[in-house]
Structures are given as C-alpha cells and as structure tokens.
Amino acid sequence: MSRHRRSGNYRITYAPPADDTLAKMADAEAFRAAMARTLGRDPYGHGSTAVSAEPTEPDRREATVGGAIVLYYVSGSVLTVTVVRLVPFG
C-alpha cells in the first residue's frame, strides 16, 4: 500500500476550467461516477502518475478516467482531489 493512501473516500472538486469542460461533456454524470469509483477511493492509484519531476511533489498528478485525461492535486489532510484540467477524448 502506498504511503500516501488514507482510509475513506476523497471529496472531488473541480476548479473553474475543469468545471466548464465537465459541463460541456455529454456523459458528465458517468464521468463523475467514474471519478468517485477510482480517484475518489485511491487518488494515488488507478494508473495515475506524478506530474512533477520533483519527488517532493507527489500530490500533483495525472490519470485517465472515464474517457478523459485528468490533471489534479491531492490534499491528504482534508481528503480532497481537486481537478484543475480535464481533457476529454474525442
């Protein structure tokens, strides 16, 4: 188990640019459900990778979820995943 994992689910929030993209997605509810099932339970798992080359910044991450590339930050102290950029496929 990763040293970053905490018990419990993470709350998922969307920064304005990601929220705007989500509002335009045809399958927004399915995407939200996929986020809750994957990154909401384990933001350091689901094939995610640290975006920063600095090993001191493991909380800045990227993953593919529900047909979109998701750039997000993890806050372990308040169990929150904040999506800052969302790029849907097709």
PDB file of N, CA and C in Angstrom:
ATOM      1  N   MET A   1       0.844  -1.187   0.000  1.00  0.00           N
ATOM      2  CA  MET A   1       0.000   0.000   0.000  1.00  0.00           C
ATOM      3  C   MET A   1       0.887   1.247   0.000  1.00  0.00           C
ATOM      4  N   SER A   2       0.511   2.247  -0.766  1.00  0.00           N
ATOM      5  CA  SER A   2       1.267   3.491  -0.873  1.00  0.00           C
ATOM      6  C   SER A   2       1.275   4.240   0.450  1.00  0.00           C
ATOM      7  N   ARG A   3       2.360   4.916   0.732  1.00  0.00           N
ATOM      8  CA  ARG A   3       2.424   5.693   1.967  1.00  0.00           C
ATOM      9  C   ARG A   3       1.489   6.893   1.931  1.00  0.00           C
ATOM     10  N   HIS A   4       0.970   7.234   0.751  1.00  0.00           N
ATOM     11  CA  HIS A   4       0.088   8.384   0.603  1.00  0.00           C
ATOM     12  C   HIS A   4      -1.371   8.055   0.864  1.00  0.00           C
ATOM     13  N   ARG A   5      -1.728   6.804   0.820  1.00  0.00           N
ATOM     14  CA  ARG A   5      -3.140   6.424   0.920  1.00  0.00           C
ATOM     15  C   ARG A   5      -3.674   6.654   2.318  1.00  0.00           C
ATOM     16  N   ARG A   6      -4.882   7.100   2.370  1.00  0.00           N
ATOM     17  CA  ARG A   6      -5.585   7.318   3.623  1.00  0.00           C
ATOM     18  C   ARG A   6      -6.873   6.511   3.558  1.00  0.00           C
ATOM     19  N   SER A   7      -7.399   6.158   4.705  1.00  0.00           N
ATOM     20  CA  SER A   7      -8.671   5.441   4.685  1.00  0.00           C
ATOM     21  C   SER A   7      -9.799   6.424   4.418  1.00  0.00           C
ATOM     22  N   GLY A   8     -10.864   5.947   3.790  1.00  0.00           N
ATOM     23  CA  GLY A   8     -12.006   6.811   3.489  1.00  0.00           C
ATOM     24  C   GLY A   8     -11.974   7.314   2.070  1.00  0.00           C
ATOM     25  N   ASN A   9     -13.089   7.857   1.652  1.00  0.00           N
ATOM     26  CA  ASN A   9     -13.196   8.402   0.308  1.00  0.00           C
ATOM     27  C   ASN A   9     -12.753   9.854   0.273  1.00  0.00           C
ATOM     28  N   TYR A  10     -12.243  10.255  -0.871  1.00  0.00           N
ATOM     29  CA  TYR A  10     -11.823  11.631  -1.086  1.00  0.00           C
ATOM     30  C   TYR A  10     -12.959  12.406  -1.732  1.00  0.00           C
ATOM     31  N   ARG A  11     -13.148  13.622  -1.303  1.00  0.00           N
ATOM     32  CA  ARG A  11     -14.113  14.515  -1.939  1.00  0.00           C
ATOM     33  C   ARG A  11     -13.466  15.002  -3.233  1.00  0.00           C
ATOM     34  N   ILE A  12     -14.244  15.106  -4.292  1.00  0.00           N
ATOM     35  CA  ILE A  12     -13.716  15.556  -5.579  1.00  0.00           C
ATOM     36  C   ILE A  12     -14.305  16.920  -5.893  1.00  0.00           C
ATOM     37  N   THR A  13     -13.430  17.887  -6.138  1.00  0.00           N
ATOM     38  CA  THR A  13     -13.855  19.229  -6.518  1.00  0.00           C
ATOM     39  C   THR A  13     -13.252  19.559  -7.877  1.00  0.00           C
ATOM     40  N   TYR A  14     -13.836  20.548  -8.540  1.00  0.00           N
ATOM     41  CA  TYR A  14     -13.392  20.941  -9.882  1.00  0.00           C
ATOM     42  C   TYR A  14     -13.093  22.429  -9.900  1.00  0.00           C
ATOM     43  N   ALA A  15     -11.872  22.784 -10.298  1.00  0.00           N
ATOM     44  CA  ALA A  15     -11.514  24.183 -10.491  1.00  0.00           C
ATOM     45  C   ALA A  15     -12.320  24.701 -11.681  1.00  0.00           C
ATOM     46  N   PRO A  16     -12.524  26.023 -11.790  1.00  0.00           N
ATOM     47  CA  PRO A  16     -13.377  26.570 -12.860  1.00  0.00           C
ATOM     48  C   PRO A  16     -13.092  26.068 -14.270  1.00  0.00           C
ATOM     49  N   PRO A  17     -11.842  25.988 -14.740  1.00  0.00           N
ATOM     50  CA  PRO A  17     -11.649  25.487 -16.111  1.00  0.00           C
ATOM     51  C   PRO A  17     -12.118  24.037 -16.282  1.00  0.00           C
ATOM     52  N   ALA A  18     -11.851  23.191 -15.300  1.00  0.00           N
ATOM     53  CA  ALA A  18     -12.283  21.795 -15.373  1.00  0.00           C
ATOM     54  C   ALA A  18     -13.798  21.691 -15.255  1.00  0.00           C
ATOM     55  N   ASP A  19     -14.391  22.514 -14.407  1.00  0.00           N
ATOM     56  CA  ASP A  19     -15.842  22.509 -14.242  1.00  0.00           C
ATOM     57  C   ASP A  19     -16.536  22.938 -15.536  1.00  0.00           C
ATOM     58  N   ASP A  20     -15.970  23.913 -16.236  1.00  0.00           N
ATOM     59  CA  ASP A  20     -16.518  24.355 -17.522  1.00  0.00           C
ATOM     60  C   ASP A  20     -16.486  23.217 -18.550  1.00  0.00           C
ATOM     61  N   THR A  21     -15.369  22.498 -18.597  1.00  0.00           N
ATOM     62  CA  THR A  21     -15.251  21.371 -19.521  1.00  0.00           C
ATOM     63  C   THR A  21     -16.242  20.274 -19.150  1.00  0.00           C
ATOM     64  N   LEU A  22     -16.361  19.988 -17.863  1.00  0.00           N
ATOM     65  CA  LEU A  22     -17.287  18.961 -17.399  1.00  0.00           C
ATOM     66  C   LEU A  22     -18.725  19.303 -17.786  1.00  0.00           C
ATOM     67  N   ALA A  23     -19.091  20.567 -17.688  1.00  0.00           N
ATOM     68  CA  ALA A  23     -20.449  20.998 -18.035  1.00  0.00           C
ATOM     69  C   ALA A  23     -20.761  20.761 -19.510  1.00  0.00           C
ATOM     70  N   LYS A  24     -19.745  20.728 -20.358  1.00  0.00           N
ATOM     71  CA  LYS A  24     -19.931  20.527 -21.799  1.00  0.00           C
ATOM     72  C   LYS A  24     -19.867  19.054 -22.209  1.00  0.00           C
ATOM     73  N   MET A  25     -19.478  18.188 -21.289  1.00  0.00           N
ATOM     74  CA  MET A  25     -19.359  16.765 -21.614  1.00  0.00           C
ATOM     75  C   MET A  25     -20.745  16.125 -21.694  1.00  0.00           C
ATOM     76  N   ALA A  26     -20.967  15.328 -22.730  1.00  0.00           N
ATOM     77  CA  ALA A  26     -22.262  14.670 -22.907  1.00  0.00           C
ATOM     78  C   ALA A  26     -22.526  13.642 -21.813  1.00  0.00           C
ATOM     79  N   ASP A  27     -21.481  13.017 -21.319  1.00  0.00           N
ATOM     80  CA  ASP A  27     -21.629  11.971 -20.309  1.00  0.00           C
ATOM     81  C   ASP A  27     -21.058  12.406 -18.951  1.00  0.00           C
ATOM     82  N   ALA A  28     -21.370  13.631 -18.554  1.00  0.00           N
ATOM     83  CA  ALA A  28     -20.809  14.202 -17.328  1.00  0.00           C
ATOM     84  C   ALA A  28     -21.125  13.367 -16.090  1.00  0.00           C
ATOM     85  N   GLU A  29     -22.354  12.858 -15.976  1.00  0.00           N
ATOM     86  CA  GLU A  29     -22.711  12.068 -14.790  1.00  0.00           C
ATOM     87  C   GLU A  29     -21.942  10.755 -14.749  1.00  0.00           C
ATOM     88  N   ALA A  30     -21.757  10.124 -15.892  1.00  0.00           N
ATOM     89  CA  ALA A  30     -20.972   8.889 -15.946  1.00  0.00           C
ATOM     90  C   ALA A  30     -19.520   9.177 -15.576  1.00  0.00           C
ATOM     91  N   PHE A  31     -18.997  10.323 -16.028  1.00  0.00           N
ATOM     92  CA  PHE A  31     -17.635  10.704 -15.687  1.00  0.00           C
ATOM     93  C   PHE A  31     -17.506  10.928 -14.185  1.00  0.00           C
ATOM     94  N   ARG A  32     -18.440  11.658 -13.587  1.00  0.00           N
ATOM     95  CA  ARG A  32     -18.403  11.890 -12.124  1.00  0.00           C
ATOM     96  C   ARG A  32     -18.437  10.569 -11.361  1.00  0.00           C
ATOM     97  N   ALA A  33     -19.256   9.639 -11.819  1.00  0.00           N
ATOM     98  CA  ALA A  33     -19.340   8.330 -11.167  1.00  0.00           C
ATOM     99  C   ALA A  33     -18.008   7.579 -11.281  1.00  0.00           C
ATOM    100  N   ALA A  34     -17.380   7.648 -12.456  1.00  0.00           N
ATOM    101  CA  ALA A  34     -16.082   7.002 -12.651  1.00  0.00           C
ATOM    102  C   ALA A  34     -15.019   7.640 -11.760  1.00  0.00           C
ATOM    103  N   MET A  35     -15.052   8.943 -11.614  1.00  0.00           N
ATOM    104  CA  MET A  35     -14.112   9.635 -10.721  1.00  0.00           C
ATOM    105  C   MET A  35     -14.290   9.162  -9.276  1.00  0.00           C
ATOM    106  N   ALA A  36     -15.525   9.059  -8.829  1.00  0.00           N
ATOM    107  CA  ALA A  36     -15.799   8.624  -7.460  1.00  0.00           C
ATOM    108  C   ALA A  36     -15.311   7.191  -7.223  1.00  0.00           C
ATOM    109  N   ARG A  37     -15.504   6.315  -8.208  1.00  0.00           N
ATOM    110  CA  ARG A  37     -15.095   4.915  -8.086  1.00  0.00           C
ATOM    111  C   ARG A  37     -13.589   4.731  -8.117  1.00  0.00           C
ATOM    112  N   THR A  38     -12.893   5.609  -8.791  1.00  0.00           N
ATOM    113  CA  THR A  38     -11.457   5.426  -8.993  1.00  0.00           C
ATOM    114  C   THR A  38     -10.636   6.379  -8.131  1.00  0.00           C
ATOM    115  N   LEU A  39     -10.476   7.601  -8.578  1.00  0.00           N
ATOM    116  CA  LEU A  39      -9.633   8.555  -7.853  1.00  0.00           C
ATOM    117  C   LEU A  39     -10.242   8.974  -6.522  1.00  0.00           C
ATOM    118  N   GLY A  40     -11.556   8.901  -6.413  1.00  0.00           N
ATOM    119  CA  GLY A  40     -12.196   9.229  -5.146  1.00  0.00           C
ATOM    120  C   GLY A  40     -11.868   8.231  -4.051  1.00  0.00           C
ATOM    121  N   ARG A  41     -11.551   7.021  -4.439  1.00  0.00           N
ATOM    122  CA  ARG A  41     -11.175   5.986  -3.468  1.00  0.00           C
ATOM    123  C   ARG A  41      -9.673   5.880  -3.286  1.00  0.00           C
ATOM    124  N   ASP A  42      -8.924   6.118  -4.356  1.00  0.00           N
ATOM    125  CA  ASP A  42      -7.466   5.991  -4.295  1.00  0.00           C
ATOM    126  C   ASP A  42      -6.819   6.942  -5.297  1.00  0.00           C
ATOM    127  N   PRO A  43      -6.617   8.205  -4.930  1.00  0.00           N
ATOM    128  CA  PRO A  43      -6.077   9.177  -5.885  1.00  0.00           C
ATOM    129  C   PRO A  43      -4.633   8.923  -6.308  1.00  0.00           C
ATOM    130  N   TYR A  44      -3.931   8.051  -5.595  1.00  0.00           N
ATOM    131  CA  TYR A  44      -2.556   7.718  -5.976  1.00  0.00           C
ATOM    132  C   TYR A  44      -2.493   6.430  -6.782  1.00  0.00           C
ATOM    133  N   GLY A  45      -3.640   5.801  -7.000  1.00  0.00           N
ATOM    134  CA  GLY A  45      -3.711   4.559  -7.758  1.00  0.00           C
ATOM    135  C   GLY A  45      -4.321   4.800  -9.118  1.00  0.00           C
ATOM    136  N   HIS A  46      -5.009   3.802  -9.633  1.00  0.00           N
ATOM    137  CA  HIS A  46      -5.710   3.854 -10.921  1.00  0.00           C
ATOM    138  C   HIS A  46      -4.790   4.270 -12.067  1.00  0.00           C
ATOM    139  N   GLY A  47      -3.538   3.857 -11.997  1.00  0.00           N
ATOM    140  CA  GLY A  47      -2.606   4.162 -13.075  1.00  0.00           C
ATOM    141  C   GLY A  47      -2.172   5.618 -13.127  1.00  0.00           C
ATOM    142  N   SER A  48      -2.412   6.367 -12.060  1.00  0.00           N
ATOM    143  CA  SER A  48      -2.013   7.782 -12.055  1.00  0.00           C
ATOM    144  C   SER A  48      -0.506   7.913 -11.934  1.00  0.00           C
ATOM    145  N   THR A  49      -0.011   9.048 -12.386  1.00  0.00           N
ATOM    146  CA  THR A  49       1.418   9.334 -12.269  1.00  0.00           C
ATOM    147  C   THR A  49       1.601  10.732 -11.721  1.00  0.00           C
ATOM    148  N   ALA A  50       2.712  10.926 -11.018  1.00  0.00           N
ATOM    149  CA  ALA A  50       3.068  12.261 -10.544  1.00  0.00           C
ATOM    150  C   ALA A  50       3.462  13.085 -11.760  1.00  0.00           C
ATOM    151  N   VAL A  51       2.986  14.323 -11.837  1.00  0.00           N
ATOM    152  CA  VAL A  51       3.268  15.185 -12.980  1.00  0.00           C
ATOM    153  C   VAL A  51       4.613  15.875 -12.816  1.00  0.00           C
ATOM    154  N   SER A  52       4.948  16.235 -11.605  1.00  0.00           N
ATOM    155  CA  SER A  52       6.187  16.947 -11.336  1.00  0.00           C
ATOM    156  C   SER A  52       7.372  15.989 -11.322  1.00  0.00           C
ATOM    157  N   ALA A  53       8.494  16.453 -11.827  1.00  0.00           N
ATOM    158  CA  ALA A  53       9.726  15.663 -11.771  1.00  0.00           C
ATOM    159  C   ALA A  53      10.321  15.699 -10.369  1.00  0.00           C
ATOM    160  N   GLU A  54       9.827  16.613  -9.551  1.00  0.00           N
ATOM    161  CA  GLU A  54      10.314  16.734  -8.180  1.00  0.00           C
ATOM    162  C   GLU A  54       9.679  15.660  -7.308  1.00  0.00           C
ATOM    163  N   PRO A  55      10.474  14.823  -6.666  1.00  0.00           N
ATOM    164  CA  PRO A  55       9.890  13.789  -5.811  1.00  0.00           C
ATOM    165  C   PRO A  55       9.171  14.359  -4.591  1.00  0.00           C
ATOM    166  N   THR A  56       9.385  15.639  -4.328  1.00  0.00           N
ATOM    167  CA  THR A  56       8.715  16.284  -3.198  1.00  0.00           C
ATOM    168  C   THR A  56       7.297  16.714  -3.535  1.00  0.00           C
ATOM    169  N   GLU A  57       6.858  16.548  -4.793  1.00  0.00           N
ATOM    170  CA  GLU A  57       5.514  16.950  -5.211  1.00  0.00           C
ATOM    171  C   GLU A  57       4.703  15.759  -5.749  1.00  0.00           C
ATOM    172  N   PRO A  58       4.489  14.724  -4.956  1.00  0.00           N
ATOM    173  CA  PRO A  58       3.733  13.569  -5.458  1.00  0.00           C
ATOM    174  C   PRO A  58       2.228  13.827  -5.544  1.00  0.00           C
ATOM    175  N   ASP A  59       1.782  14.947  -5.012  1.00  0.00           N
ATOM    176  CA  ASP A  59       0.347  15.236  -4.962  1.00  0.00           C
ATOM    177  C   ASP A  59      -0.179  15.922  -6.210  1.00  0.00           C
ATOM    178  N   ARG A  60       0.676  16.280  -7.114  1.00  0.00           N
ATOM    179  CA  ARG A  60       0.278  16.858  -8.401  1.00  0.00           C
ATOM    180  C   ARG A  60       0.299  15.711  -9.399  1.00  0.00           C
ATOM    181  N   ARG A  61      -0.895  15.283  -9.886  1.00  0.00           N
ATOM    182  CA  ARG A  61      -0.984  14.018 -10.590  1.00  0.00           C
ATOM    183  C   ARG A  61      -1.795  14.096 -11.871  1.00  0.00           C
ATOM    184  N   GLU A  62      -1.688  13.034 -12.654  1.00  0.00           N
ATOM    185  CA  GLU A  62      -2.432  12.909 -13.902  1.00  0.00           C
ATOM    186  C   GLU A  62      -2.898  11.460 -14.032  1.00  0.00           C
ATOM    187  N   ALA A  63      -4.119  11.289 -14.539  1.00  0.00           N
ATOM    188  CA  ALA A  63      -4.668   9.947 -14.763  1.00  0.00           C
ATOM    189  C   ALA A  63      -5.668  10.010 -15.904  1.00  0.00           C
ATOM    190  N   THR A  64      -6.005   8.850 -16.435  1.00  0.00           N
ATOM    191  CA  THR A  64      -7.060   8.747 -17.431  1.00  0.00           C
ATOM    192  C   THR A  64      -8.258   8.088 -16.756  1.00  0.00           C
ATOM    193  N   VAL A  65      -9.381   8.793 -16.794  1.00  0.00           N
ATOM    194  CA  VAL A  65     -10.603   8.295 -16.143  1.00  0.00           C
ATOM    195  C   VAL A  65     -11.789   8.590 -17.047  1.00  0.00           C
ATOM    196  N   GLY A  66     -12.634   7.618 -17.250  1.00  0.00           N
ATOM    197  CA  GLY A  66     -13.891   7.823 -17.964  1.00  0.00           C
ATOM    198  C   GLY A  66     -13.762   8.528 -19.297  1.00  0.00           C
ATOM    199  N   GLY A  67     -12.738   8.206 -20.065  1.00  0.00           N
ATOM    200  CA  GLY A  67     -12.571   8.803 -21.382  1.00  0.00           C
ATOM    201  C   GLY A  67     -12.001  10.206 -21.374  1.00  0.00           C
ATOM    202  N   ALA A  68     -11.264  10.564 -20.316  1.00  0.00           N
ATOM    203  CA  ALA A  68     -10.655  11.900 -20.252  1.00  0.00           C
ATOM    204  C   ALA A  68      -9.321  11.831 -19.516  1.00  0.00           C
ATOM    205  N   ILE A  69      -8.438  12.730 -19.896  1.00  0.00           N
ATOM    206  CA  ILE A  69      -7.195  12.913 -19.156  1.00  0.00           C
ATOM    207  C   ILE A  69      -7.505  13.914 -18.049  1.00  0.00           C
ATOM    208  N   VAL A  70      -7.111  13.585 -16.836  1.00  0.00           N
ATOM    209  CA  VAL A  70      -7.434  14.404 -15.670  1.00  0.00           C
ATOM    210  C   VAL A  70      -6.139  14.839 -15.001  1.00  0.00           C
ATOM    211  N   LEU A  71      -5.950  16.144 -14.857  1.00  0.00           N
ATOM    212  CA  LEU A  71      -4.832  16.705 -14.107  1.00  0.00           C
ATOM    213  C   LEU A  71      -5.409  17.182 -12.786  1.00  0.00           C
ATOM    214  N   TYR A  72      -4.830  16.727 -11.673  1.00  0.00           N
ATOM    215  CA  TYR A  72      -5.428  17.026 -10.377  1.00  0.00           C
ATOM    216  C   TYR A  72      -4.380  17.121  -9.264  1.00  0.00           C
ATOM    217  N   TYR A  73      -4.796  17.697  -8.167  1.00  0.00           N
ATOM    218  CA  TYR A  73      -3.987  17.784  -6.962  1.00  0.00           C
ATOM    219  C   TYR A  73      -4.682  17.014  -5.858  1.00  0.00           C
ATOM    220  N   VAL A  74      -3.900  16.388  -4.998  1.00  0.00           N
ATOM    221  CA  VAL A  74      -4.445  15.633  -3.877  1.00  0.00           C
ATOM    222  C   VAL A  74      -4.088  16.352  -2.585  1.00  0.00           C
ATOM    223  N   SER A  75      -5.073  16.532  -1.725  1.00  0.00           N
ATOM    224  CA  SER A  75      -4.837  17.072  -0.390  1.00  0.00           C
ATOM    225  C   SER A  75      -5.195  15.981   0.604  1.00  0.00           C
ATOM    226  N   GLY A  76      -4.190  15.327   1.144  1.00  0.00           N
ATOM    227  CA  GLY A  76      -4.412  14.245   2.092  1.00  0.00           C
ATOM    228  C   GLY A  76      -4.921  14.723   3.429  1.00  0.00           C
ATOM    229  N   SER A  77      -4.604  15.963   3.790  1.00  0.00           N
ATOM    230  CA  SER A  77      -5.022  16.457   5.104  1.00  0.00           C
ATOM    231  C   SER A  77      -6.529  16.672   5.190  1.00  0.00           C
ATOM    232  N   VAL A  78      -7.173  16.983   4.056  1.00  0.00           N
ATOM    233  CA  VAL A  78      -8.624  17.178   4.050  1.00  0.00           C
ATOM    234  C   VAL A  78      -9.326  16.214   3.093  1.00  0.00           C
ATOM    235  N   LEU A  79      -8.609  15.166   2.653  1.00  0.00           N
ATOM    236  CA  LEU A  79      -9.151  14.133   1.767  1.00  0.00           C
ATOM    237  C   LEU A  79      -9.919  14.719   0.582  1.00  0.00           C
ATOM    238  N   THR A  80      -9.215  15.544  -0.198  1.00  0.00           N
ATOM    239  CA  THR A  80      -9.822  16.200  -1.354  1.00  0.00           C
ATOM    240  C   THR A  80      -8.957  16.009  -2.588  1.00  0.00           C
ATOM    241  N   VAL A  81      -9.607  15.715  -3.705  1.00  0.00           N
ATOM    242  CA  VAL A  81      -8.978  15.700  -5.025  1.00  0.00           C
ATOM    243  C   VAL A  81      -9.540  16.905  -5.759  1.00  0.00           C
ATOM    244  N   THR A  82      -8.661  17.800  -6.225  1.00  0.00           N
ATOM    245  CA  THR A  82      -9.104  18.970  -6.976  1.00  0.00           C
ATOM    246  C   THR A  82      -8.670  18.822  -8.426  1.00  0.00           C
ATOM    247  N   VAL A  83      -9.644  18.705  -9.312  1.00  0.00           N
ATOM    248  CA  VAL A  83      -9.358  18.573 -10.744  1.00  0.00           C
ATOM    249  C   VAL A  83      -9.131  19.966 -11.302  1.00  0.00           C
ATOM    250  N   VAL A  84      -7.963  20.185 -11.897  1.00  0.00           N
ATOM    251  CA  VAL A  84      -7.641  21.508 -12.425  1.00  0.00           C
ATOM    252  C   VAL A  84      -7.742  21.560 -13.948  1.00  0.00           C
ATOM    253  N   ARG A  85      -7.585  20.413 -14.588  1.00  0.00           N
ATOM    254  CA  ARG A  85      -7.719  20.376 -16.051  1.00  0.00           C
ATOM    255  C   ARG A  85      -8.314  19.044 -16.438  1.00  0.00           C
ATOM    256  N   LEU A  86      -9.189  19.109 -17.430  1.00  0.00           N
ATOM    257  CA  LEU A  86      -9.907  17.933 -17.887  1.00  0.00           C
ATOM    258  C   LEU A  86      -9.912  17.968 -19.409  1.00  0.00           C
ATOM    259  N   VAL A  87      -9.370  16.919 -20.034  1.00  0.00           N
ATOM    260  CA  VAL A  87      -9.302  16.864 -21.490  1.00  0.00           C
ATOM    261  C   VAL A  87     -10.016  15.594 -21.957  1.00  0.00           C
ATOM    262  N   PRO A  88     -11.273  15.703 -22.404  1.00  0.00           N
ATOM    263  CA  PRO A  88     -11.995  14.519 -22.881  1.00  0.00           C
ATOM    264  C   PRO A  88     -11.440  14.024 -24.212  1.00  0.00           C
ATOM    265  N   PHE A  89     -11.506  12.719 -24.429  1.00  0.00           N
ATOM    266  CA  PHE A  89     -11.122  12.133 -25.721  1.00  0.00           C
ATOM    267  C   PHE A  89     -12.287  12.334 -26.678  1.00  0.00           C
ATOM    268  N   GLY A  90     -11.980  12.678 -27.910  1.00  0.00           N
ATOM    269  CA  GLY A  90     -13.000  12.760 -28.980  1.00  0.00           C
ATOM    270  C   GLY A  90     -14.045  13.666 -28.703  1.00  0.00           C
TER     271      GLY A  90
END
